Amino acid sequence: MSTSVSGGSGSGSESEGGERHASWLELFFDLIAVAGVGQLAHLLHTGPTGTSLGRYAVLFLAFWFAWVMSTMYGNVAGERTRVAAVITAMFGMAVMAAAVPGVHDSDGKARAFALAYIVVRLIASRARSGRGQVVADLPILQLGAGLAPWVVSLWVHGEARLWLWAAGLLIDMAVMVRVSREALQVEIDQKWARAEERAEERAEHWLRREERRGGALPSEEAHARVDRVRSRMRRKPQVVAADVGHLAERLGLFVLIVLGEGLVQSVSAASEEPWDGGVRAVGAGVFVILVLVWSLALRTGAYGLPLLAPRALPVRLVLLLHCLFAGAVAALAAALGRAVEQAGEAMPQPGRLLLAGVLALILVTALVCALVSGRGAGWALGAVGPALVVVGVLAVAPGAGDPEGFGTVVSVALAVCALAWPVGWRVYRPGAPAAKEPAQGAAAGFTG
């Protein structure tokens, strides 16, 4: 039903080597990610506060979960992807994106955001359960405890609604951490054994009832009826896993979309400012920062995550790291746009703290990825430690009102140094993982 990149049919195209790539349907679906990330980044554009950061974190996580659930559906369904399901989910996410600016001020838009999230999630989960499949790499598709607070929030007003959304997302994240493929399989086996036992009991009860009536059926006919009762049982759910190579490509594309928002915000800001020396210096520095993040995430890592070796973590944990990293990069886009606007001046403390905070989150993610990839604590600390020191200097610099405070040019230069260090370290000290497994599909393209 869907057209592939190469012009064929199906959910994803395949190269001569058998690798599956994103289809035209999936690339079209990703356009809503472009719109959504732009709306979310603008939440921080006017200046970060504790409230705006919290609201951004909740809304970004919700939007990302909606995207990844729909993406995982297409990943597992493959050639059987239903175009109507993907397009409907895309429309739901469009509603979410359009509601983002008014979530805090309008009950109607906040309710629309929640309802759209619920619908998108149900579409993704029902599409898989309808085929009798359980997706091991995204357990929240089957375990809907995190959805309950969202349903309750439809009748709640004010800040309490946002807290309910946060609670639902935290439940989902806890499920992602705790529920493994093995745990899902055990639960399915236990439920199926109980269902078979109940079916046997119903069949035996029916046979005894027929005997009590005195008009016992011939043995062959009785057994045929019992077999029909047993055949009405649903087929045992099958635990399926993601196509790792295809998923790696999709997650990398999402990071590219987020980096694109950084370019959009920076170019837009530069187009409205006089091009003096400060704007030229900051603009060049911002461009270098985006190139370094691209190199760190997509040339030295896997799944769009920096310094991560392919298959170093279960997919469900990779997804959690990805949402944190992508959220940090989207917030970086807002910080860079403000930096261009403030070129030639001292960077206000809130903007500088935002820049330092998202850089720290990016680097900590890189540190975790290097450690779980088996590169060793010494290598990981050497790759990230000095960069974190530079970010610390940026964070504790004097305030904007201080004549000795860091100017925007210096702040951006420090950000460049912080990101350049791990990229250079990876190039000159590759540090192969301790137990490196062969990459599959697009994951191979993400390893430097």
Protein backbone atom coordinates (compact mmCIF):
# COMPACT_ATOMS: atom_id res chain seq x y z
CA MET A 1 0.00 0.00 0.00
CA SER A 2 2.84 2.38 0.73
CA THR A 3 5.49 3.36 -1.74
CA SER A 4 9.10 2.61 -0.92
CA VAL A 5 12.10 4.87 -1.41
CA SER A 6 13.09 2.95 -4.49
CA GLY A 7 9.64 3.23 -5.97
CA GLY A 8 8.38 -0.22 -5.04
CA SER A 9 5.64 -1.10 -2.64
CA GLY A 10 5.77 -1.85 1.03
CA SER A 11 6.76 -0.16 4.21
CA GLY A 12 10.43 0.07 3.49
CA SER A 13 12.69 -0.33 0.50
CA GLU A 14 15.46 -2.88 0.37
CA SER A 15 18.85 -2.44 -1.19
CA GLU A 16 20.66 -5.16 -3.09
CA GLY A 17 22.23 -6.26 0.20
CA GLY A 18 18.78 -6.76 1.78
CA GLU A 19 18.90 -3.70 4.03
CA ARG A 20 15.56 -2.09 4.71
CA HIS A 21 15.29 1.70 4.51
CA ALA A 22 12.61 4.26 5.32
CA SER A 23 9.68 4.29 2.91
CA TRP A 24 8.03 7.33 1.33
CA LEU A 25 5.17 6.84 3.81
CA GLU A 26 7.56 6.97 6.77
CA LEU A 27 9.38 10.01 5.40
CA PHE A 28 6.05 11.75 4.85
CA PHE A 29 5.04 10.85 8.41
CA ASP A 30 8.27 12.44 9.69
CA LEU A 31 7.11 15.81 8.37
CA ILE A 32 4.90 16.06 11.44
CA ALA A 33 8.02 15.64 13.57
CA VAL A 34 9.47 18.70 11.82
CA ALA A 35 6.41 20.75 12.76
CA GLY A 36 6.18 19.38 16.29
CA VAL A 37 9.84 19.92 17.19
CA GLY A 38 9.60 23.49 15.93
CA GLN A 39 6.60 24.22 18.14
CA LEU A 40 8.25 22.62 21.17
CA ALA A 41 11.55 24.45 20.74
CA HIS A 42 9.68 27.76 20.67
CA LEU A 43 8.48 27.11 24.23
CA LEU A 44 12.03 28.01 25.34
CA HIS A 45 12.69 30.77 22.87
CA THR A 46 11.47 33.64 25.04
CA GLY A 47 13.64 32.62 27.96
CA PRO A 48 13.85 29.47 30.08
CA THR A 49 12.22 29.35 33.50
CA GLY A 50 11.54 26.44 35.81
CA THR A 51 7.92 26.35 34.65
CA SER A 52 8.72 26.55 30.94
CA LEU A 53 11.41 23.88 31.23
CA GLY A 54 9.03 21.53 33.02
CA ARG A 55 6.30 22.13 30.47
CA TYR A 56 8.77 21.62 27.64
CA ALA A 57 10.02 18.32 29.12
CA VAL A 58 6.50 16.89 29.52
CA LEU A 59 5.25 17.97 26.09
CA PHE A 60 8.41 16.85 24.30
CA LEU A 61 8.30 13.42 25.95
CA ALA A 62 4.64 13.02 25.01
CA PHE A 63 5.27 14.04 21.42
CA TRP A 64 8.34 11.79 21.17
CA PHE A 65 6.48 8.80 22.62
CA ALA A 66 3.67 9.32 20.09
CA TRP A 67 6.24 9.45 17.28
CA VAL A 68 8.20 6.39 18.42
CA MET A 69 5.09 4.26 18.96
CA SER A 70 3.89 4.99 15.43
CA THR A 71 7.42 4.43 14.11
CA MET A 72 7.71 1.09 15.91
CA TYR A 73 4.38 0.00 14.42
CA GLY A 74 5.73 0.59 10.91
CA ASN A 75 9.05 -1.00 11.83
CA VAL A 76 7.47 -4.27 12.98
CA ALA A 77 4.62 -4.37 10.47
CA GLY A 78 6.93 -3.93 7.48
CA GLU A 79 5.09 -4.73 4.26
CA ARG A 80 1.81 -5.04 6.17
CA THR A 81 1.80 -1.43 7.39
CA ARG A 82 -1.64 0.12 7.09
CA VAL A 83 -1.44 3.49 5.39
CA ALA A 84 -4.70 4.62 7.03
CA ALA A 85 -3.29 3.92 10.51
CA VAL A 86 -0.10 5.90 9.83
CA ILE A 87 -1.95 8.86 8.30
CA THR A 88 -4.45 8.92 11.18
CA ALA A 89 -1.59 8.91 13.69
CA MET A 90 0.06 11.70 11.72
CA PHE A 91 -3.10 13.79 11.97
CA GLY A 92 -3.26 13.16 15.72
CA MET A 93 0.31 14.35 16.11
CA ALA A 94 -0.52 17.41 14.00
CA VAL A 95 -3.23 18.24 16.55
CA MET A 96 -0.69 17.79 19.34
CA ALA A 97 1.80 20.10 17.62
CA ALA A 98 -0.81 22.78 16.95
CA ALA A 99 -1.99 22.66 20.57
CA VAL A 100 1.50 23.08 22.10
CA PRO A 101 1.54 26.92 22.37
CA GLY A 102 -1.90 27.02 24.01
CA VAL A 103 -1.64 24.05 26.37
CA HIS A 104 -0.99 26.30 29.38
CA ASP A 105 -3.66 28.92 28.64
CA SER A 106 -6.49 27.03 26.96
CA ASP A 107 -8.43 24.12 28.43
CA GLY A 108 -9.71 23.28 24.97
CA LYS A 109 -6.22 22.99 23.45
CA ALA A 110 -4.88 21.09 26.44
CA ARG A 111 -7.75 18.61 26.20
CA ALA A 112 -7.15 18.27 22.46
CA PHE A 113 -3.46 17.55 23.10
CA ALA A 114 -4.31 14.81 25.60
CA LEU A 115 -7.05 13.30 23.46
CA ALA A 116 -4.80 13.23 20.39
CA TYR A 117 -2.04 11.52 22.40
CA ILE A 118 -4.50 8.88 23.60
CA VAL A 119 -5.77 8.24 20.07
CA VAL A 120 -2.29 7.96 18.56
CA ARG A 121 -1.25 5.53 21.25
CA LEU A 122 -4.36 3.38 20.83
CA ILE A 123 -3.88 3.27 17.06
CA ALA A 124 -0.31 2.00 17.43
CA SER A 125 -1.19 -0.58 20.10
CA ARG A 126 -4.36 -1.90 18.43
CA ALA A 127 -2.64 -2.26 15.09
CA ARG A 128 -0.20 -4.74 16.66
CA SER A 129 -2.57 -6.54 19.03
CA GLY A 130 -4.98 -7.05 16.13
CA ARG A 131 -2.36 -9.28 14.56
CA GLY A 132 -1.75 -11.18 17.78
CA GLN A 133 1.72 -9.70 18.21
CA VAL A 134 3.48 -8.28 21.26
CA VAL A 135 6.36 -5.87 20.56
CA ALA A 136 9.10 -6.76 23.02
CA ASP A 137 11.20 -3.67 22.32
CA LEU A 138 8.42 -1.24 23.21
CA PRO A 139 6.44 -2.83 26.08
CA ILE A 140 4.24 0.24 26.63
CA LEU A 141 2.44 -0.63 23.38
CA GLN A 142 0.87 -3.53 25.27
CA LEU A 143 1.02 -2.32 28.89
CA GLY A 144 -1.22 0.72 29.13
CA ALA A 145 -0.88 1.73 32.79
CA GLY A 146 0.77 5.00 31.76
CA LEU A 147 -2.27 5.90 29.67
CA ALA A 148 -4.66 6.04 32.63
CA PRO A 149 -3.49 9.47 33.94
CA TRP A 150 -3.98 10.90 30.44
CA VAL A 151 -7.56 9.68 30.35
CA VAL A 152 -8.24 11.15 33.80
CA SER A 153 -6.70 14.48 32.70
CA LEU A 154 -9.55 15.01 30.22
CA TRP A 155 -11.69 16.05 33.22
CA VAL A 156 -8.98 17.98 35.08
CA HIS A 157 -8.04 21.66 34.74
CA GLY A 158 -4.98 23.83 35.32
CA GLU A 159 -1.55 22.66 36.42
CA ALA A 160 -2.96 19.42 37.82
CA ARG A 161 -3.45 18.26 34.24
CA LEU A 162 0.25 18.68 33.48
CA TRP A 163 1.17 16.74 36.62
CA LEU A 164 -1.07 13.88 35.51
CA TRP A 165 0.63 13.84 32.12
CA ALA A 166 4.02 13.76 33.83
CA ALA A 167 2.90 10.86 36.03
CA GLY A 168 1.75 8.89 32.99
CA LEU A 169 5.05 9.46 31.21
CA LEU A 170 7.04 8.43 34.30
CA ILE A 171 5.03 5.21 34.51
CA ASP A 172 5.81 4.51 30.86
CA MET A 173 9.51 5.15 31.38
CA ALA A 174 9.55 2.85 34.40
CA VAL A 175 7.88 0.12 32.34
CA MET A 176 10.50 0.57 29.61
CA VAL A 177 13.26 0.10 32.18
CA ARG A 178 11.80 -2.87 34.04
CA VAL A 179 9.91 -4.97 31.46
CA SER A 180 12.25 -7.05 29.34
CA ARG A 181 11.51 -9.40 26.45
CA GLU A 182 11.91 -12.36 28.82
CA ALA A 183 9.43 -10.88 31.30
CA LEU A 184 6.87 -10.32 28.54
CA GLN A 185 7.29 -13.89 27.30
CA VAL A 186 6.80 -15.30 30.80
CA GLU A 187 3.64 -13.22 31.30
CA ILE A 188 2.23 -14.34 27.95
CA ASP A 189 3.00 -17.99 28.67
CA GLN A 190 1.30 -17.78 32.07
CA LYS A 191 -1.82 -16.07 30.69
CA TRP A 192 -2.03 -18.55 27.84
CA ALA A 193 -1.69 -21.53 30.19
CA ARG A 194 -4.56 -20.16 32.31
CA ALA A 195 -6.68 -19.59 29.18
CA GLU A 196 -6.07 -23.16 28.01
CA GLU A 197 -6.98 -24.46 31.45
CA ARG A 198 -10.26 -22.52 31.42
CA ALA A 199 -11.05 -23.84 27.93
CA GLU A 200 -10.45 -27.40 29.09
CA GLU A 201 -12.73 -26.83 32.08
CA ARG A 202 -15.50 -25.44 29.83
CA ALA A 203 -15.21 -28.43 27.50
CA GLU A 204 -15.34 -30.92 30.37
CA HIS A 205 -18.33 -29.08 31.88
CA TRP A 206 -20.16 -29.30 28.58
CA LEU A 207 -19.49 -33.06 28.28
CA ARG A 208 -20.72 -33.72 31.83
CA ARG A 209 -23.87 -31.69 31.17
CA GLU A 210 -24.61 -33.76 28.07
CA GLU A 211 -24.15 -36.97 30.04
CA ARG A 212 -26.57 -35.78 32.76
CA ARG A 213 -29.22 -35.08 30.13
CA GLY A 214 -29.19 -38.79 29.30
CA GLY A 215 -28.99 -38.21 25.56
CA ALA A 216 -25.26 -38.65 25.24
CA LEU A 217 -23.87 -37.90 21.83
CA PRO A 218 -21.78 -40.47 19.96
CA SER A 219 -18.15 -40.28 21.05
CA GLU A 220 -16.94 -38.94 17.71
CA GLU A 221 -19.50 -36.12 17.63
CA ALA A 222 -18.85 -35.19 21.27
CA HIS A 223 -15.13 -34.92 20.72
CA ALA A 224 -15.72 -32.90 17.53
CA ARG A 225 -17.78 -30.40 19.51
CA VAL A 226 -15.10 -30.15 22.20
CA ASP A 227 -12.49 -29.49 19.54
CA ARG A 228 -14.66 -26.69 18.16
CA VAL A 229 -14.87 -25.11 21.61
CA ARG A 230 -11.08 -25.22 21.94
CA SER A 231 -10.56 -23.83 18.43
CA ARG A 232 -12.47 -20.67 19.38
CA MET A 233 -9.60 -19.65 21.62
CA ARG A 234 -7.57 -16.75 20.32
CA ARG A 235 -4.20 -17.52 18.81
CA LYS A 236 -1.38 -17.26 21.32
CA PRO A 237 0.28 -13.83 21.02
CA GLN A 238 3.67 -13.86 19.35
CA VAL A 239 6.54 -11.84 20.83
CA VAL A 240 8.23 -9.95 18.02
CA ALA A 241 11.33 -7.75 17.95
CA ALA A 242 12.17 -4.61 16.01
CA ASP A 243 14.14 -4.55 12.78
CA VAL A 244 17.25 -3.06 14.39
CA GLY A 245 18.85 -1.66 11.25
CA HIS A 246 15.65 0.05 10.11
CA LEU A 247 14.99 1.43 13.59
CA ALA A 248 18.53 2.80 13.79
CA GLU A 249 17.92 4.72 10.57
CA ARG A 250 14.58 6.07 11.80
CA LEU A 251 16.04 7.27 15.11
CA GLY A 252 18.95 8.89 13.27
CA LEU A 253 16.51 10.69 10.99
CA PHE A 254 14.70 12.10 14.02
CA VAL A 255 17.98 13.53 15.31
CA LEU A 256 18.54 15.12 11.88
CA ILE A 257 15.09 16.70 12.10
CA VAL A 258 15.94 18.17 15.50
CA LEU A 259 19.27 19.49 14.19
CA GLY A 260 17.36 21.04 11.31
CA GLU A 261 15.31 23.03 13.82
CA GLY A 262 18.58 24.41 15.16
CA LEU A 263 19.45 25.63 11.66
CA VAL A 264 15.98 27.12 11.19
CA GLN A 265 16.07 29.06 14.47
CA SER A 266 19.62 30.32 13.89
CA VAL A 267 19.07 31.37 10.28
CA SER A 268 15.77 33.03 11.19
CA ALA A 269 17.44 35.01 13.99
CA ALA A 270 20.38 35.99 11.79
CA SER A 271 18.06 37.23 9.03
CA GLU A 272 16.56 39.81 11.42
CA GLU A 273 19.81 41.16 12.87
CA PRO A 274 22.37 43.57 11.38
CA TRP A 275 25.38 41.55 10.27
CA ASP A 276 28.05 43.07 12.46
CA GLY A 277 31.11 41.26 13.74
CA GLY A 278 29.28 39.72 16.69
CA VAL A 279 26.51 38.22 14.56
CA ARG A 280 29.02 36.82 12.08
CA ALA A 281 31.13 35.25 14.86
CA VAL A 282 28.17 33.80 16.75
CA GLY A 283 26.51 32.60 13.55
CA ALA A 284 29.66 30.75 12.51
CA GLY A 285 30.02 29.27 16.00
CA VAL A 286 26.40 28.10 16.03
CA PHE A 287 26.89 26.39 12.67
CA VAL A 288 30.00 24.62 13.99
CA ILE A 289 28.07 23.49 17.08
CA LEU A 290 25.38 21.89 14.92
CA VAL A 291 28.02 20.16 12.78
CA LEU A 292 29.71 18.81 15.91
CA VAL A 293 26.46 17.46 17.34
CA TRP A 294 25.74 15.82 13.98
CA SER A 295 29.20 14.26 13.93
CA LEU A 296 28.97 13.12 17.54
CA ALA A 297 25.54 11.53 17.17
CA LEU A 298 25.53 10.18 13.63
CA ARG A 299 29.18 9.52 12.79
CA THR A 300 30.61 8.27 16.10
CA GLY A 301 27.57 6.45 17.47
CA ALA A 302 24.53 4.34 16.59
CA TYR A 303 20.77 4.92 16.68
CA GLY A 304 21.43 8.66 16.64
CA LEU A 305 23.17 8.43 20.03
CA PRO A 306 26.75 9.64 20.62
CA LEU A 307 29.56 7.12 21.19
CA LEU A 308 27.13 4.17 21.34
CA ALA A 309 28.17 0.84 19.84
CA PRO A 310 25.51 -1.10 17.89
CA ARG A 311 23.58 -3.56 20.06
CA ALA A 312 25.29 -2.38 23.24
CA LEU A 313 21.89 -2.00 24.94
CA PRO A 314 18.42 -3.54 24.58
CA VAL A 315 16.32 -1.50 22.18
CA ARG A 316 13.89 -0.40 24.90
CA LEU A 317 16.76 1.25 26.82
CA VAL A 318 18.18 2.74 23.61
CA LEU A 319 14.80 4.40 23.08
CA LEU A 320 14.86 5.99 26.54
CA LEU A 321 18.34 7.41 25.96
CA HIS A 322 17.26 8.65 22.55
CA CYS A 323 14.29 10.62 23.87
CA LEU A 324 16.52 12.35 26.45
CA PHE A 325 19.20 13.13 23.87
CA ALA A 326 16.75 14.35 21.23
CA GLY A 327 15.01 16.54 23.82
CA ALA A 328 18.34 18.09 24.77
CA VAL A 329 19.23 18.80 21.14
CA ALA A 330 15.81 20.40 20.53
CA ALA A 331 16.36 22.65 23.56
CA LEU A 332 19.84 23.42 22.20
CA ALA A 333 18.16 24.69 19.03
CA ALA A 334 16.24 27.26 21.08
CA ALA A 335 19.39 28.28 22.98
CA LEU A 336 21.33 28.77 19.75
CA GLY A 337 18.59 30.88 18.21
CA ARG A 338 18.66 33.18 21.23
CA ALA A 339 22.45 33.32 21.08
CA VAL A 340 22.33 34.72 17.54
CA GLU A 341 19.81 37.34 18.66
CA GLN A 342 22.10 38.39 21.53
CA ALA A 343 25.37 38.40 19.58
CA GLY A 344 27.68 41.19 20.65
CA GLU A 345 26.14 41.37 24.12
CA ALA A 346 26.65 39.57 27.40
CA MET A 347 24.52 36.42 27.34
CA PRO A 348 21.76 36.66 29.99
CA GLN A 349 22.18 34.16 32.79
CA PRO A 350 18.99 32.14 32.03
CA GLY A 351 20.07 31.69 28.41
CA ARG A 352 23.60 30.76 29.43
CA LEU A 353 22.33 28.23 31.97
CA LEU A 354 20.06 26.72 29.34
CA LEU A 355 22.98 26.39 26.94
CA ALA A 356 25.18 24.85 29.63
CA GLY A 357 22.43 22.53 30.83
CA VAL A 358 21.60 21.04 27.44
CA LEU A 359 25.29 20.66 26.61
CA ALA A 360 25.78 18.83 29.90
CA LEU A 361 22.87 16.50 29.12
CA ILE A 362 24.27 15.77 25.66
CA LEU A 363 27.70 15.01 27.10
CA VAL A 364 26.36 12.88 29.96
CA THR A 365 24.41 10.86 27.40
CA ALA A 366 27.66 10.39 25.47
CA LEU A 367 29.39 9.28 28.68
CA VAL A 368 26.70 6.69 29.44
CA CYS A 369 26.77 5.41 25.86
CA ALA A 370 30.57 5.05 25.93
CA LEU A 371 30.45 3.16 29.23
CA VAL A 372 27.74 0.70 28.18
CA SER A 373 29.57 0.13 24.88
CA GLY A 374 32.47 -1.42 26.78
CA ARG A 375 35.04 1.24 25.94
CA GLY A 376 36.22 1.41 29.53
CA ALA A 377 35.84 4.05 32.23
CA GLY A 378 39.21 5.66 31.44
CA TRP A 379 38.39 6.10 27.76
CA ALA A 380 34.87 7.40 28.50
CA LEU A 381 36.07 9.92 31.08
CA GLY A 382 38.85 11.04 28.77
CA ALA A 383 36.32 11.60 26.00
CA VAL A 384 33.75 13.52 28.05
CA GLY A 385 35.39 14.71 31.29
CA PRO A 386 37.30 17.74 29.91
CA ALA A 387 34.23 18.79 27.93
CA LEU A 388 32.10 18.74 31.08
CA VAL A 389 34.68 20.94 32.80
CA VAL A 390 34.32 23.50 30.00
CA VAL A 391 30.53 23.37 30.36
CA GLY A 392 30.94 23.93 34.09
CA VAL A 393 33.00 27.05 33.40
CA LEU A 394 30.23 28.27 31.12
CA ALA A 395 27.58 27.63 33.77
CA VAL A 396 29.34 29.40 36.66
CA ALA A 397 30.51 32.42 34.66
CA PRO A 398 29.55 35.86 36.05
CA GLY A 399 26.02 37.06 35.31
CA ALA A 400 25.02 39.19 32.35
CA GLY A 401 24.88 42.36 34.45
CA ASP A 402 28.49 41.97 35.52
CA PRO A 403 30.97 43.88 33.33
CA GLU A 404 33.26 40.88 33.62
CA GLY A 405 30.52 38.51 32.47
CA PHE A 406 30.95 36.27 29.47
CA GLY A 407 29.75 37.72 26.21
CA THR A 408 27.67 35.66 23.81
CA VAL A 409 30.66 35.20 21.51
CA VAL A 410 32.74 33.72 24.34
CA SER A 411 29.85 31.53 25.50
CA VAL A 412 29.38 30.10 22.02
CA ALA A 413 33.15 29.57 21.70
CA LEU A 414 33.13 27.57 24.96
CA ALA A 415 30.25 25.48 23.63
CA VAL A 416 32.27 24.75 20.47
CA CYS A 417 35.26 23.64 22.57
CA ALA A 418 33.08 21.40 24.75
CA LEU A 419 31.62 19.53 21.77
CA ALA A 420 34.83 19.45 19.74
CA TRP A 421 36.69 17.56 22.46
CA PRO A 422 34.73 14.23 22.34
CA VAL A 423 34.58 14.36 18.53
CA GLY A 424 38.35 14.79 18.34
CA TRP A 425 38.92 12.17 21.03
CA ARG A 426 36.86 9.63 19.08
CA VAL A 427 38.87 10.35 15.92
CA TYR A 428 42.34 10.18 17.43
CA ARG A 429 41.64 7.53 20.08
CA PRO A 430 38.98 5.26 18.56
CA GLY A 431 38.84 2.88 21.54
CA ALA A 432 37.03 -0.14 20.11
CA PRO A 433 34.30 -1.59 22.36
CA ALA A 434 35.26 -4.60 24.44
CA ALA A 435 32.72 -6.91 22.80
CA LYS A 436 31.72 -5.34 19.53
CA GLU A 437 28.99 -7.09 17.57
CA PRO A 438 28.47 -6.65 13.83
CA ALA A 439 26.05 -3.89 12.98
CA GLN A 440 23.03 -4.52 10.82
CA GLY A 441 21.30 -2.23 8.38
CA ALA A 442 21.60 1.47 8.96
CA ALA A 443 23.32 0.97 12.30
CA ALA A 444 26.48 0.23 10.36
CA GLY A 445 26.31 3.63 8.77
CA PHE A 446 26.22 5.31 12.17
CA THR A 447 29.53 3.92 13.40
CA GLY A 448 32.57 5.97 12.74
